[in-house]
Structures are given as C-alpha cells and as structure tokens.
Amino acid sequence: MDSAQDFRFRITPQFGTVMTAMVTPFDKSGQLDFEGVRDLARWLTRDGWNDGLVVNGTTGESITTTDAEKTAIIRTVSAAVGGTATVIAGVGVADTQHSIELAQAAAAAGADGLMVVAPYYCRPDQAGLLRHFTAIADSTSLPVMLYDIPKRTGVEIRRETLVAAAEHPQIVAVKDAKGDLASSSWVMRHTDLAYYSGDDVLNLPLLSIGATGFVSVVGHVAADLLRHLHRCHQQGRTAQAAGIHRQLLAIYEGMFRSPAAASVKAALAMRGLPAGPVRMPLVELDEAQREQLSQDLTASGIPDRSMPSRRLVSAEATVSQSGQSRPVLSLRLP
C-alpha cells in the first residue's frame, strides 16, 4: 500500500480551522448579557477571523451556568452567526445522562456540533470513557469533538480509546490539550480524526504533526494572526509561521497566568468589547494583573481593536516579519 494513503487527514474539516472557545458575557449583576453574547459572537466571526465558536466550554464558565442558560447561549449565538460560522456546544459533564440531555438540548437550540470533555472528578476507566462518549454520540445526529484535557479532568483519553471512539461515525474530531505530541501523532496515524490544538502555545507544533486547526483562547484577540499562521504553515512558509508563533508567545503565556475566562474578559473590556464579570469562584484580575496583560498584548503586536458603539468598523491586522510590520488581513465587522 502507498504510504501516503496511511495518513488519512481530513482535507476539509467540517468545523473549520480557526475557532475560539468563547467567553460568556454577563451584565454587571452577573446575569446573561444576551446583547453582549450576540455582539461578541458576530465580532469574533467577522471576515478573516474565526470559522466557528465553541460555547459552554471552560472559558465560557460552563461550570457556573445553568442548563437553561446554556441552551439560551447556543440559541443566541446560532441566531447571530448561523450560516456564516459553525457553533459547537460543550455538553460534557461528569454524568452521562446529564450530558445526553445537554446534547439533545444543544441540537434543538441550533448547534452544529458537540464538544464532549472526559468526565471529570469521577475518573472513569477507559471502558467507561468509551461508553460515555458513544452514548452521547448516539443521542443526536450531530458530529462530536472529544476534548482531551487530563490536567482538568483527572483522566486522559488514551490513544487506544481514541482509536476505538473514532469507529463511531459521528465522533469526528479531538480538541487536544494533553500536550503529548507522540500520542497525538499515533492517533492521527491510525484514524481520520480531525485534531484541533486546545493549548495555544502548541498551535504550531500540533500543525506540524498533522493537526487541522485550533480551538483557541487567544483567538478572542488574535484570530486573524492565528489564521495567518495556519495559512503560512499550509503554504510551506515555515519561517513566517514560526515568526508569528514567536510573536504571540507573550499573549500565549499572559492569557493563562490567571484563569483564562478572567483574562479574556479583562482583555475584551480593555477594548470596549462585551464581556462583563466572571462568576465565583473565579475573580476579576486586579490592577497589576490587568497591566501585565496589557503589556502582553502589546508585546505580541496585537492592535487595540475596539468596537465603538458596536457599530460597523474596519481595521487591518499586522504581523511583524524581519523587523517590519505589514498588513496581512483586512477585517470588516458585520
């Protein structure tokens, strides 16, 4: 058999290539800001930015939102960007039956796909993980992305389990935040699962071994640069891709000094974008933390893109190459 046939990477991933794990905007009283949810979704999916959004994930503070709020978020985002961007709903919790109920509600609310994290805290064995994933996949007709992040869940999805899960026709992708490039390479070699980097600092390394794209936190402020990085890599411009990767190192680190939801909301607020407070037990960044994050944004060459009065504006993104800055994408806001 031709060795080229052994690597069954998805050429046209159904979820897209650059996606952001969107925060959930709240108002000053801590309630859902529906206008903010709508406007932020549109902002993040404007021309040249994200192909899709993942809602009700970790960065979306899904631990502190109710089932009714989760459904409302999906419905609001789907209405705002449906037809122009994909909407992936996080539905994984520690209880399989509850996850199934969330999956069915997400499908009814207009989600294009589901993201299912390994059950946390209870730490099932691999047989339990596989049954959990397939039961959820069986519950709707939506495609499923598995989320492998053992530092949060306490259990990894082992490579053999991923290969077994890939036999289910609706389990089509992995959000990989395990940081084990050898294991990820092995799964890519043995399945046609589309791999997405779930850890921004590993975006380029994962592309180099065959990943499809990103489910990013930094995409809230730099999705255009991530898209340019992806394009450079795909076109074989490896030095330019590495340059963008290095340019973004400061914000890759800065977004995760504190819990990502708090950092992203602070960065968005600096730019007049809808975000609001976080819900406890998360807390807001203090003044020193906000100043450090502002420095990280500047160090990564991320422009101060504001949304004045949430009206139509335009801007250009720049990327530093060989000591010079040049426009790389034209951004228009719907």
C-alpha atoms as a PDB file:
ATOM      1  CA  MET A   1       0.000   0.000   0.000  1.00  0.00           C
ATOM      2  CA  ASP A   2       1.213   3.506  -0.810  1.00  0.00           C
ATOM      3  CA  SER A   3       2.461   5.008   2.452  1.00  0.00           C
ATOM      4  CA  ALA A   4       0.723   8.285   1.580  1.00  0.00           C
ATOM      5  CA  GLN A   5      -2.603   6.521   1.956  1.00  0.00           C
ATOM      6  CA  ASP A   6      -1.842   5.629   5.552  1.00  0.00           C
ATOM      7  CA  PHE A   7      -2.256   9.216   6.722  1.00  0.00           C
ATOM      8  CA  ARG A   8      -5.957   9.949   6.482  1.00  0.00           C
ATOM      9  CA  PHE A   9      -6.058  13.614   7.458  1.00  0.00           C
ATOM     10  CA  ARG A  10      -9.290  15.486   6.797  1.00  0.00           C
ATOM     11  CA  ILE A  11      -8.734  17.918   3.952  1.00  0.00           C
ATOM     12  CA  THR A  12     -11.892  19.987   4.507  1.00  0.00           C
ATOM     13  CA  PRO A  13     -12.819  19.805   8.197  1.00  0.00           C
ATOM     14  CA  GLN A  14     -16.485  20.359   8.793  1.00  0.00           C
ATOM     15  CA  PHE A  15     -15.867  22.554  11.833  1.00  0.00           C
ATOM     16  CA  GLY A  16     -13.367  24.846  10.091  1.00  0.00           C
ATOM     17  CA  THR A  17      -9.748  25.516  11.037  1.00  0.00           C
ATOM     18  CA  VAL A  18      -9.675  28.514  13.406  1.00  0.00           C
ATOM     19  CA  MET A  19     -12.226  28.513  16.227  1.00  0.00           C
ATOM     20  CA  THR A  20     -12.395  30.346  19.531  1.00  0.00           C
ATOM     21  CA  ALA A  21     -13.680  28.972  22.822  1.00  0.00           C
ATOM     22  CA  MET A  22     -15.918  31.944  23.553  1.00  0.00           C
ATOM     23  CA  VAL A  23     -16.420  33.546  26.947  1.00  0.00           C
ATOM     24  CA  THR A  24     -19.957  34.083  28.202  1.00  0.00           C
ATOM     25  CA  PRO A  25     -20.723  37.811  28.609  1.00  0.00           C
ATOM     26  CA  PHE A  26     -22.552  38.710  31.815  1.00  0.00           C
ATOM     27  CA  ASP A  27     -24.032  42.037  32.855  1.00  0.00           C
ATOM     28  CA  LYS A  28     -22.971  43.954  35.948  1.00  0.00           C
ATOM     29  CA  SER A  29     -25.321  41.908  38.110  1.00  0.00           C
ATOM     30  CA  GLY A  30     -23.866  38.639  36.840  1.00  0.00           C
ATOM     31  CA  GLN A  31     -26.815  37.706  34.621  1.00  0.00           C
ATOM     32  CA  LEU A  32     -26.515  36.675  30.976  1.00  0.00           C
ATOM     33  CA  ASP A  33     -25.939  39.649  28.686  1.00  0.00           C
ATOM     34  CA  PHE A  34     -27.837  38.462  25.615  1.00  0.00           C
ATOM     35  CA  GLU A  35     -26.925  41.511  23.544  1.00  0.00           C
ATOM     36  CA  GLY A  36     -23.307  41.028  24.546  1.00  0.00           C
ATOM     37  CA  VAL A  37     -23.401  37.336  23.603  1.00  0.00           C
ATOM     38  CA  ARG A  38     -24.805  38.215  20.192  1.00  0.00           C
ATOM     39  CA  ASP A  39     -22.411  41.074  19.501  1.00  0.00           C
ATOM     40  CA  LEU A  40     -19.320  39.229  20.688  1.00  0.00           C
ATOM     41  CA  ALA A  41     -20.212  36.222  18.527  1.00  0.00           C
ATOM     42  CA  ARG A  42     -20.523  38.472  15.480  1.00  0.00           C
ATOM     43  CA  TRP A  43     -17.287  40.285  16.322  1.00  0.00           C
ATOM     44  CA  LEU A  44     -15.364  37.032  16.627  1.00  0.00           C
ATOM     45  CA  THR A  45     -16.661  35.661  13.331  1.00  0.00           C
ATOM     46  CA  ARG A  46     -16.168  38.766  11.188  1.00  0.00           C
ATOM     47  CA  ASP A  47     -14.301  38.490   7.900  1.00  0.00           C
ATOM     48  CA  GLY A  48     -10.863  36.953   8.304  1.00  0.00           C
ATOM     49  CA  TRP A  49     -11.395  35.779  11.875  1.00  0.00           C
ATOM     50  CA  ASN A  50     -12.983  32.620  13.270  1.00  0.00           C
ATOM     51  CA  ASP A  51     -14.621  29.855  11.244  1.00  0.00           C
ATOM     52  CA  GLY A  52     -16.577  28.849  14.319  1.00  0.00           C
ATOM     53  CA  LEU A  53     -17.177  29.293  18.021  1.00  0.00           C
ATOM     54  CA  VAL A  54     -17.188  26.822  20.881  1.00  0.00           C
ATOM     55  CA  VAL A  55     -19.688  27.877  23.532  1.00  0.00           C
ATOM     56  CA  ASN A  56     -20.360  26.465  27.006  1.00  0.00           C
ATOM     57  CA  GLY A  57     -16.790  25.319  27.477  1.00  0.00           C
ATOM     58  CA  THR A  58     -14.290  26.024  30.239  1.00  0.00           C
ATOM     59  CA  THR A  59     -13.617  29.563  29.010  1.00  0.00           C
ATOM     60  CA  GLY A  60     -17.379  30.051  28.792  1.00  0.00           C
ATOM     61  CA  GLU A  61     -17.655  29.303  32.531  1.00  0.00           C
ATOM     62  CA  SER A  62     -19.907  26.324  31.877  1.00  0.00           C
ATOM     63  CA  ILE A  63     -19.417  25.104  35.433  1.00  0.00           C
ATOM     64  CA  THR A  64     -21.410  28.103  36.716  1.00  0.00           C
ATOM     65  CA  THR A  65     -24.120  28.405  34.056  1.00  0.00           C
ATOM     66  CA  THR A  66     -27.436  26.611  34.346  1.00  0.00           C
ATOM     67  CA  ASP A  67     -28.808  24.220  31.738  1.00  0.00           C
ATOM     68  CA  ALA A  68     -31.342  26.855  30.714  1.00  0.00           C
ATOM     69  CA  GLU A  69     -28.598  29.454  30.319  1.00  0.00           C
ATOM     70  CA  LYS A  70     -26.516  27.050  28.231  1.00  0.00           C
ATOM     71  CA  THR A  71     -29.437  26.498  25.871  1.00  0.00           C
ATOM     72  CA  ALA A  72     -30.083  30.233  25.643  1.00  0.00           C
ATOM     73  CA  ILE A  73     -26.428  30.889  24.798  1.00  0.00           C
ATOM     74  CA  ILE A  74     -26.495  28.329  21.977  1.00  0.00           C
ATOM     75  CA  ARG A  75     -29.717  29.729  20.597  1.00  0.00           C
ATOM     76  CA  THR A  76     -28.426  33.311  20.731  1.00  0.00           C
ATOM     77  CA  VAL A  77     -25.070  32.527  19.107  1.00  0.00           C
ATOM     78  CA  SER A  78     -26.653  30.316  16.447  1.00  0.00           C
ATOM     79  CA  ALA A  79     -29.097  33.067  15.542  1.00  0.00           C
ATOM     80  CA  ALA A  80     -26.248  35.584  15.357  1.00  0.00           C
ATOM     81  CA  VAL A  81     -23.773  33.635  13.210  1.00  0.00           C
ATOM     82  CA  GLY A  82     -25.704  30.674  11.821  1.00  0.00           C
ATOM     83  CA  GLY A  83     -24.887  30.038   8.184  1.00  0.00           C
ATOM     84  CA  THR A  84     -21.648  32.015   8.361  1.00  0.00           C
ATOM     85  CA  ALA A  85     -19.815  30.190  11.162  1.00  0.00           C
ATOM     86  CA  THR A  86     -20.139  26.885  12.986  1.00  0.00           C
ATOM     87  CA  VAL A  87     -21.385  26.716  16.569  1.00  0.00           C
ATOM     88  CA  ILE A  88     -20.006  23.889  18.694  1.00  0.00           C
ATOM     89  CA  ALA A  89     -21.673  23.357  22.061  1.00  0.00           C
ATOM     90  CA  GLY A  90     -19.842  21.974  25.059  1.00  0.00           C
ATOM     91  CA  VAL A  91     -22.095  19.313  26.593  1.00  0.00           C
ATOM     92  CA  GLY A  92     -19.723  17.127  28.582  1.00  0.00           C
ATOM     93  CA  VAL A  93     -20.251  16.839  32.325  1.00  0.00           C
ATOM     94  CA  ALA A  94     -19.416  14.135  34.855  1.00  0.00           C
ATOM     95  CA  ASP A  95     -22.801  12.429  34.472  1.00  0.00           C
ATOM     96  CA  THR A  96     -23.506  10.602  31.193  1.00  0.00           C
ATOM     97  CA  GLN A  97     -27.284  11.017  31.332  1.00  0.00           C
ATOM     98  CA  HIS A  98     -26.964  14.723  32.070  1.00  0.00           C
ATOM     99  CA  SER A  99     -24.536  15.041  29.129  1.00  0.00           C
ATOM    100  CA  ILE A 100     -27.082  13.342  26.859  1.00  0.00           C
ATOM    101  CA  GLU A 101     -29.767  15.780  27.977  1.00  0.00           C
ATOM    102  CA  LEU A 102     -27.445  18.711  27.272  1.00  0.00           C
ATOM    103  CA  ALA A 103     -26.582  17.250  23.866  1.00  0.00           C
ATOM    104  CA  GLN A 104     -30.219  16.926  22.892  1.00  0.00           C
ATOM    105  CA  ALA A 105     -30.983  20.442  24.096  1.00  0.00           C
ATOM    106  CA  ALA A 106     -27.992  21.776  22.126  1.00  0.00           C
ATOM    107  CA  ALA A 107     -29.195  20.073  18.958  1.00  0.00           C
ATOM    108  CA  ALA A 108     -32.670  21.548  19.399  1.00  0.00           C
ATOM    109  CA  ALA A 109     -31.189  25.021  20.017  1.00  0.00           C
ATOM    110  CA  GLY A 110     -29.299  25.039  16.703  1.00  0.00           C
ATOM    111  CA  ALA A 111     -25.783  23.802  17.473  1.00  0.00           C
ATOM    112  CA  ASP A 112     -23.777  22.476  14.520  1.00  0.00           C
ATOM    113  CA  GLY A 113     -21.727  20.092  16.642  1.00  0.00           C
ATOM    114  CA  LEU A 114     -20.938  18.945  20.159  1.00  0.00           C
ATOM    115  CA  MET A 115     -17.797  19.051  22.262  1.00  0.00           C
ATOM    116  CA  VAL A 116     -17.562  16.342  24.923  1.00  0.00           C
ATOM    117  CA  VAL A 117     -14.889  16.519  27.607  1.00  0.00           C
ATOM    118  CA  ALA A 118     -13.830  13.430  29.526  1.00  0.00           C
ATOM    119  CA  PRO A 119     -15.934  13.111  32.701  1.00  0.00           C
ATOM    120  CA  TYR A 120     -14.162  14.970  35.476  1.00  0.00           C
ATOM    121  CA  TYR A 121     -13.658  14.103  39.148  1.00  0.00           C
ATOM    122  CA  CYS A 122     -15.158  10.593  38.949  1.00  0.00           C
ATOM    123  CA  ARG A 123     -12.205   9.466  36.786  1.00  0.00           C
ATOM    124  CA  PRO A 124     -13.746   6.508  34.937  1.00  0.00           C
ATOM    125  CA  ASP A 125     -11.576   3.827  33.376  1.00  0.00           C
ATOM    126  CA  GLN A 126     -11.074   3.707  29.619  1.00  0.00           C
ATOM    127  CA  ALA A 127     -14.046   1.366  29.068  1.00  0.00           C
ATOM    128  CA  GLY A 128     -16.242   3.845  30.913  1.00  0.00           C
ATOM    129  CA  LEU A 129     -14.893   6.740  28.842  1.00  0.00           C
ATOM    130  CA  LEU A 130     -15.666   4.943  25.603  1.00  0.00           C
ATOM    131  CA  ARG A 131     -19.211   4.074  26.664  1.00  0.00           C
ATOM    132  CA  HIS A 132     -19.746   7.664  27.839  1.00  0.00           C
ATOM    133  CA  PHE A 133     -18.629   9.124  24.500  1.00  0.00           C
ATOM    134  CA  THR A 134     -20.572   6.714  22.328  1.00  0.00           C
ATOM    135  CA  ALA A 135     -23.756   7.098  24.380  1.00  0.00           C
ATOM    136  CA  ILE A 136     -23.641  10.863  23.852  1.00  0.00           C
ATOM    137  CA  ALA A 137     -22.824  10.481  20.157  1.00  0.00           C
ATOM    138  CA  ASP A 138     -25.782   8.111  19.786  1.00  0.00           C
ATOM    139  CA  SER A 139     -28.173  10.624  21.338  1.00  0.00           C
ATOM    140  CA  THR A 140     -28.235  13.129  18.435  1.00  0.00           C
ATOM    141  CA  SER A 141     -27.265  13.305  14.781  1.00  0.00           C
ATOM    142  CA  LEU A 142     -24.633  15.994  15.415  1.00  0.00           C
ATOM    143  CA  PRO A 143     -20.895  15.460  14.855  1.00  0.00           C
ATOM    144  CA  VAL A 144     -18.848  15.177  18.042  1.00  0.00           C
ATOM    145  CA  MET A 145     -15.463  16.571  19.061  1.00  0.00           C
ATOM    146  CA  LEU A 146     -13.842  14.840  22.042  1.00  0.00           C
ATOM    147  CA  TYR A 147     -11.924  17.071  24.460  1.00  0.00           C
ATOM    148  CA  ASP A 148      -8.798  15.553  25.995  1.00  0.00           C
ATOM    149  CA  ILE A 149      -7.510  17.706  28.867  1.00  0.00           C
ATOM    150  CA  PRO A 150      -6.359  15.459  31.733  1.00  0.00           C
ATOM    151  CA  LYS A 151      -4.960  18.317  33.822  1.00  0.00           C
ATOM    152  CA  ARG A 152      -8.560  19.438  34.379  1.00  0.00           C
ATOM    153  CA  THR A 153     -10.471  16.157  34.295  1.00  0.00           C
ATOM    154  CA  GLY A 154      -8.022  13.913  36.151  1.00  0.00           C
ATOM    155  CA  VAL A 155      -8.200  11.259  33.417  1.00  0.00           C
ATOM    156  CA  GLU A 156      -6.618  11.118  29.982  1.00  0.00           C
ATOM    157  CA  ILE A 157      -8.262   9.666  26.912  1.00  0.00           C
ATOM    158  CA  ARG A 158      -5.673   7.064  25.959  1.00  0.00           C
ATOM    159  CA  ARG A 159      -4.732   6.643  22.348  1.00  0.00           C
ATOM    160  CA  GLU A 160      -6.356   3.213  22.070  1.00  0.00           C
ATOM    161  CA  THR A 161      -9.610   4.678  23.374  1.00  0.00           C
ATOM    162  CA  LEU A 162      -9.481   7.463  20.809  1.00  0.00           C
ATOM    163  CA  VAL A 163      -8.946   4.915  18.052  1.00  0.00           C
ATOM    164  CA  ALA A 164     -11.938   2.921  19.296  1.00  0.00           C
ATOM    165  CA  ALA A 165     -14.086   6.055  19.583  1.00  0.00           C
ATOM    166  CA  ALA A 166     -13.183   7.015  16.020  1.00  0.00           C
ATOM    167  CA  GLU A 167     -15.110   3.975  14.800  1.00  0.00           C
ATOM    168  CA  HIS A 168     -18.315   5.800  15.714  1.00  0.00           C
ATOM    169  CA  PRO A 169     -19.426   7.669  12.574  1.00  0.00           C
ATOM    170  CA  GLN A 170     -20.322  10.838  14.491  1.00  0.00           C
ATOM    171  CA  ILE A 171     -17.101  11.131  16.513  1.00  0.00           C
ATOM    172  CA  VAL A 172     -15.021  13.096  14.052  1.00  0.00           C
ATOM    173  CA  ALA A 173     -12.581  15.330  15.928  1.00  0.00           C
ATOM    174  CA  VAL A 174     -10.410  15.843  19.005  1.00  0.00           C
ATOM    175  CA  LYS A 175      -9.617  19.015  20.895  1.00  0.00           C
ATOM    176  CA  ASP A 176      -6.157  18.119  22.153  1.00  0.00           C
ATOM    177  CA  ALA A 177      -4.891  19.778  25.330  1.00  0.00           C
ATOM    178  CA  LYS A 178      -2.907  16.816  26.625  1.00  0.00           C
ATOM    179  CA  GLY A 179       0.474  18.050  25.456  1.00  0.00           C
ATOM    180  CA  ASP A 180       1.635  14.611  24.294  1.00  0.00           C
ATOM    181  CA  LEU A 181       2.706  15.033  20.680  1.00  0.00           C
ATOM    182  CA  ALA A 182       3.802  11.403  20.388  1.00  0.00           C
ATOM    183  CA  SER A 183       0.375  10.119  21.421  1.00  0.00           C
ATOM    184  CA  SER A 184      -1.395  12.604  19.143  1.00  0.00           C
ATOM    185  CA  SER A 185       0.797  11.567  16.218  1.00  0.00           C
ATOM    186  CA  TRP A 186      -0.058   7.912  16.837  1.00  0.00           C
ATOM    187  CA  VAL A 187      -3.802   8.606  16.835  1.00  0.00           C
ATOM    188  CA  MET A 188      -3.543  10.665  13.646  1.00  0.00           C
ATOM    189  CA  ARG A 189      -1.650   7.798  12.065  1.00  0.00           C
ATOM    190  CA  HIS A 190      -4.383   5.278  12.904  1.00  0.00           C
ATOM    191  CA  THR A 191      -7.594   7.321  12.475  1.00  0.00           C
ATOM    192  CA  ASP A 192      -9.079  10.083  10.366  1.00  0.00           C
ATOM    193  CA  LEU A 193      -9.987  12.179  13.429  1.00  0.00           C
ATOM    194  CA  ALA A 194      -9.515  15.901  12.826  1.00  0.00           C
ATOM    195  CA  TYR A 195      -7.159  17.215  15.508  1.00  0.00           C
ATOM    196  CA  TYR A 196      -7.514  20.714  16.941  1.00  0.00           C
ATOM    197  CA  SER A 197      -4.983  22.310  19.245  1.00  0.00           C
ATOM    198  CA  GLY A 198      -6.610  23.108  22.578  1.00  0.00           C
ATOM    199  CA  ASP A 199      -3.469  24.692  24.038  1.00  0.00           C
ATOM    200  CA  ASP A 200      -2.457  27.876  22.234  1.00  0.00           C
ATOM    201  CA  VAL A 201       1.266  27.558  22.799  1.00  0.00           C
ATOM    202  CA  LEU A 202       1.138  24.206  20.968  1.00  0.00           C
ATOM    203  CA  ASN A 203      -0.785  25.511  17.952  1.00  0.00           C
ATOM    204  CA  LEU A 204       2.175  25.396  15.596  1.00  0.00           C
ATOM    205  CA  PRO A 205       3.745  22.170  16.958  1.00  0.00           C
ATOM    206  CA  LEU A 206       0.424  20.360  16.525  1.00  0.00           C
ATOM    207  CA  LEU A 207       0.042  21.694  12.977  1.00  0.00           C
ATOM    208  CA  SER A 208       3.489  20.290  12.225  1.00  0.00           C
ATOM    209  CA  ILE A 209       2.347  16.736  13.013  1.00  0.00           C
ATOM    210  CA  GLY A 210      -0.921  16.963  11.109  1.00  0.00           C
ATOM    211  CA  ALA A 211      -3.466  18.879  13.177  1.00  0.00           C
ATOM    212  CA  THR A 212      -6.362  20.550  11.363  1.00  0.00           C
ATOM    213  CA  GLY A 213      -6.544  23.797  13.304  1.00  0.00           C
ATOM    214  CA  PHE A 214      -7.205  25.404  16.668  1.00  0.00           C
ATOM    215  CA  VAL A 215      -9.828  25.782  19.359  1.00  0.00           C
ATOM    216  CA  SER A 216      -8.228  28.844  20.860  1.00  0.00           C
ATOM    217  CA  VAL A 217      -8.476  31.194  23.821  1.00  0.00           C
ATOM    218  CA  VAL A 218      -6.141  33.760  22.281  1.00  0.00           C
ATOM    219  CA  GLY A 219      -8.470  33.792  19.276  1.00  0.00           C
ATOM    220  CA  HIS A 220     -10.591  36.332  21.166  1.00  0.00           C
ATOM    221  CA  VAL A 221      -7.973  38.957  20.364  1.00  0.00           C
ATOM    222  CA  ALA A 222      -5.809  37.469  17.597  1.00  0.00           C
ATOM    223  CA  ALA A 223      -7.829  35.073  15.450  1.00  0.00           C
ATOM    224  CA  ASP A 224      -6.586  36.878  12.335  1.00  0.00           C
ATOM    225  CA  LEU A 225      -2.981  36.208  13.286  1.00  0.00           C
ATOM    226  CA  LEU A 226      -3.783  32.572  14.050  1.00  0.00           C
ATOM    227  CA  ARG A 227      -5.385  32.300  10.621  1.00  0.00           C
ATOM    228  CA  HIS A 228      -2.263  33.800   9.050  1.00  0.00           C
ATOM    229  CA  LEU A 229      -0.080  31.357  10.999  1.00  0.00           C
ATOM    230  CA  HIS A 230      -2.221  28.483   9.733  1.00  0.00           C
ATOM    231  CA  ARG A 231      -2.056  29.727   6.155  1.00  0.00           C
ATOM    232  CA  CYS A 232       1.715  30.173   6.264  1.00  0.00           C
ATOM    233  CA  HIS A 233       2.145  26.646   7.569  1.00  0.00           C
ATOM    234  CA  GLN A 234      -0.167  25.184   4.935  1.00  0.00           C
ATOM    235  CA  GLN A 235       1.725  27.013   2.188  1.00  0.00           C
ATOM    236  CA  GLY A 236       5.104  25.810   3.408  1.00  0.00           C
ATOM    237  CA  ARG A 237       6.213  29.220   4.664  1.00  0.00           C
ATOM    238  CA  THR A 238       7.576  27.697   7.824  1.00  0.00           C
ATOM    239  CA  ALA A 239       9.840  30.582   8.809  1.00  0.00           C
ATOM    240  CA  GLN A 240       6.934  33.019   8.682  1.00  0.00           C
ATOM    241  CA  ALA A 241       4.713  30.626  10.647  1.00  0.00           C
ATOM    242  CA  ALA A 242       7.427  30.323  13.285  1.00  0.00           C
ATOM    243  CA  GLY A 243       7.742  34.103  13.369  1.00  0.00           C
ATOM    244  CA  ILE A 244       4.038  34.531  14.141  1.00  0.00           C
ATOM    245  CA  HIS A 245       4.253  31.777  16.760  1.00  0.00           C
ATOM    246  CA  ARG A 246       7.103  33.596  18.497  1.00  0.00           C
ATOM    247  CA  GLN A 247       5.347  36.939  18.165  1.00  0.00           C
ATOM    248  CA  LEU A 248       2.365  35.525  20.067  1.00  0.00           C
ATOM    249  CA  LEU A 249       4.338  33.876  22.867  1.00  0.00           C
ATOM    250  CA  ALA A 250       3.723  36.746  25.289  1.00  0.00           C
ATOM    251  CA  ILE A 251      -0.056  36.563  24.968  1.00  0.00           C
ATOM    252  CA  TYR A 252       0.006  32.745  24.874  1.00  0.00           C
ATOM    253  CA  GLU A 253       1.507  32.972  28.354  1.00  0.00           C
ATOM    254  CA  GLY A 254      -0.389  36.048  29.501  1.00  0.00           C
ATOM    255  CA  MET A 255      -3.864  34.657  28.889  1.00  0.00           C
ATOM    256  CA  PHE A 256      -3.165  31.774  31.260  1.00  0.00           C
ATOM    257  CA  ARG A 257      -1.416  33.470  34.186  1.00  0.00           C
ATOM    258  CA  SER A 258      -4.863  33.703  35.725  1.00  0.00           C
ATOM    259  CA  PRO A 259      -7.900  31.577  34.830  1.00  0.00           C
ATOM    260  CA  ALA A 260      -8.472  32.109  31.114  1.00  0.00           C
ATOM    261  CA  ALA A 261     -12.060  33.334  31.440  1.00  0.00           C
ATOM    262  CA  ALA A 262     -10.954  36.171  33.720  1.00  0.00           C
ATOM    263  CA  SER A 263      -8.000  37.081  31.487  1.00  0.00           C
ATOM    264  CA  VAL A 264     -10.044  37.091  28.293  1.00  0.00           C
ATOM    265  CA  LYS A 265     -12.780  39.199  29.845  1.00  0.00           C
ATOM    266  CA  ALA A 266     -10.195  41.704  31.047  1.00  0.00           C
ATOM    267  CA  ALA A 267      -8.620  41.863  27.583  1.00  0.00           C
ATOM    268  CA  LEU A 268     -12.013  42.346  25.935  1.00  0.00           C
ATOM    269  CA  ALA A 269     -13.002  45.034  28.436  1.00  0.00           C
ATOM    270  CA  MET A 270      -9.793  46.930  27.634  1.00  0.00           C
ATOM    271  CA  ARG A 271     -11.082  47.146  24.080  1.00  0.00           C
ATOM    272  CA  GLY A 272     -14.660  48.072  24.898  1.00  0.00           C
ATOM    273  CA  LEU A 273     -15.962  44.659  23.883  1.00  0.00           C
ATOM    274  CA  PRO A 274     -18.803  42.867  25.693  1.00  0.00           C
ATOM    275  CA  ALA A 275     -17.567  40.564  28.432  1.00  0.00           C
ATOM    276  CA  GLY A 276     -18.633  41.622  31.917  1.00  0.00           C
ATOM    277  CA  PRO A 277     -17.593  39.992  35.192  1.00  0.00           C
ATOM    278  CA  VAL A 278     -16.762  36.372  35.924  1.00  0.00           C
ATOM    279  CA  ARG A 279     -18.835  34.280  38.295  1.00  0.00           C
ATOM    280  CA  MET A 280     -17.433  32.973  41.546  1.00  0.00           C
ATOM    281  CA  PRO A 281     -15.303  31.100  42.398  1.00  0.00           C
ATOM    282  CA  LEU A 282     -13.409  32.971  39.656  1.00  0.00           C
ATOM    283  CA  VAL A 283     -12.435  36.551  40.477  1.00  0.00           C
ATOM    284  CA  GLU A 284     -11.542  39.564  38.367  1.00  0.00           C
ATOM    285  CA  LEU A 285      -7.961  40.433  37.542  1.00  0.00           C
ATOM    286  CA  ASP A 286      -6.530  43.080  39.853  1.00  0.00           C
ATOM    287  CA  GLU A 287      -4.879  46.253  38.607  1.00  0.00           C
ATOM    288  CA  ALA A 288      -1.383  44.765  38.453  1.00  0.00           C
ATOM    289  CA  GLN A 289      -2.631  41.714  36.567  1.00  0.00           C
ATOM    290  CA  ARG A 290      -4.521  43.855  34.071  1.00  0.00           C
ATOM    291  CA  GLU A 291      -1.428  45.975  33.471  1.00  0.00           C
ATOM    292  CA  GLN A 292       0.683  42.871  32.861  1.00  0.00           C
ATOM    293  CA  LEU A 293      -1.914  41.514  30.443  1.00  0.00           C
ATOM    294  CA  SER A 294      -1.953  44.833  28.588  1.00  0.00           C
ATOM    295  CA  GLN A 295       1.826  44.591  28.238  1.00  0.00           C
ATOM    296  CA  ASP A 296       1.478  41.032  26.930  1.00  0.00           C
ATOM    297  CA  LEU A 297      -0.958  42.199  24.260  1.00  0.00           C
ATOM    298  CA  THR A 298       1.406  44.974  23.216  1.00  0.00           C
ATOM    299  CA  ALA A 299       4.417  42.638  23.195  1.00  0.00           C
ATOM    300  CA  SER A 300       2.541  40.302  20.853  1.00  0.00           C
ATOM    301  CA  GLY A 301       1.751  43.119  18.448  1.00  0.00           C
ATOM    302  CA  ILE A 302      -1.995  42.841  18.920  1.00  0.00           C
ATOM    303  CA  PRO A 303      -3.705  46.125  17.945  1.00  0.00           C
ATOM    304  CA  ASP A 304      -6.204  47.839  20.202  1.00  0.00           C
ATOM    305  CA  ARG A 305      -9.325  46.830  18.275  1.00  0.00           C
ATOM    306  CA  SER A 306     -12.342  48.432  19.892  1.00  0.00           C
ATOM    307  CA  MET A 307     -15.993  48.187  18.964  1.00  0.00           C
ATOM    308  CA  PRO A 308     -17.226  51.776  19.387  1.00  0.00           C
ATOM    309  CA  SER A 309     -20.958  51.786  19.957  1.00  0.00           C
ATOM    310  CA  ARG A 310     -20.891  48.242  18.492  1.00  0.00           C
ATOM    311  CA  ARG A 311     -21.188  49.777  15.006  1.00  0.00           C
ATOM    312  CA  LEU A 312     -19.598  48.699  11.746  1.00  0.00           C
ATOM    313  CA  VAL A 313     -15.892  49.486  11.701  1.00  0.00           C
ATOM    314  CA  SER A 314     -12.876  48.253   9.778  1.00  0.00           C
ATOM    315  CA  ALA A 315      -9.306  47.578  10.724  1.00  0.00           C
ATOM    316  CA  GLU A 316      -6.149  45.960   9.494  1.00  0.00           C
ATOM    317  CA  ALA A 317      -4.111  43.337  11.287  1.00  0.00           C
ATOM    318  CA  THR A 318      -0.342  43.436  11.063  1.00  0.00           C
ATOM    319  CA  VAL A 319       2.301  40.829  11.586  1.00  0.00           C
ATOM    320  CA  SER A 320       5.942  41.553  12.241  1.00  0.00           C
ATOM    321  CA  GLN A 321       8.375  39.909   9.835  1.00  0.00           C
ATOM    322  CA  SER A 322      12.078  40.705   9.601  1.00  0.00           C
ATOM    323  CA  GLY A 323      11.621  43.759  11.775  1.00  0.00           C
ATOM    324  CA  GLN A 324       8.900  45.265   9.611  1.00  0.00           C
ATOM    325  CA  SER A 325       5.149  45.430  10.047  1.00  0.00           C
ATOM    326  CA  ARG A 326       2.854  44.881   7.098  1.00  0.00           C
ATOM    327  CA  PRO A 327      -0.891  44.376   6.653  1.00  0.00           C
ATOM    328  CA  VAL A 328      -1.894  40.748   6.401  1.00  0.00           C
ATOM    329  CA  LEU A 329      -5.685  40.755   6.514  1.00  0.00           C
ATOM    330  CA  SER A 330      -8.499  43.214   6.057  1.00  0.00           C
ATOM    331  CA  LEU A 331     -11.073  42.913   8.813  1.00  0.00           C
ATOM    332  CA  ARG A 332     -14.674  44.016   8.422  1.00  0.00           C
ATOM    333  CA  LEU A 333     -17.221  43.729  11.161  1.00  0.00           C
ATOM    334  CA  PRO A 334     -20.767  42.654  10.374  1.00  0.00           C
END
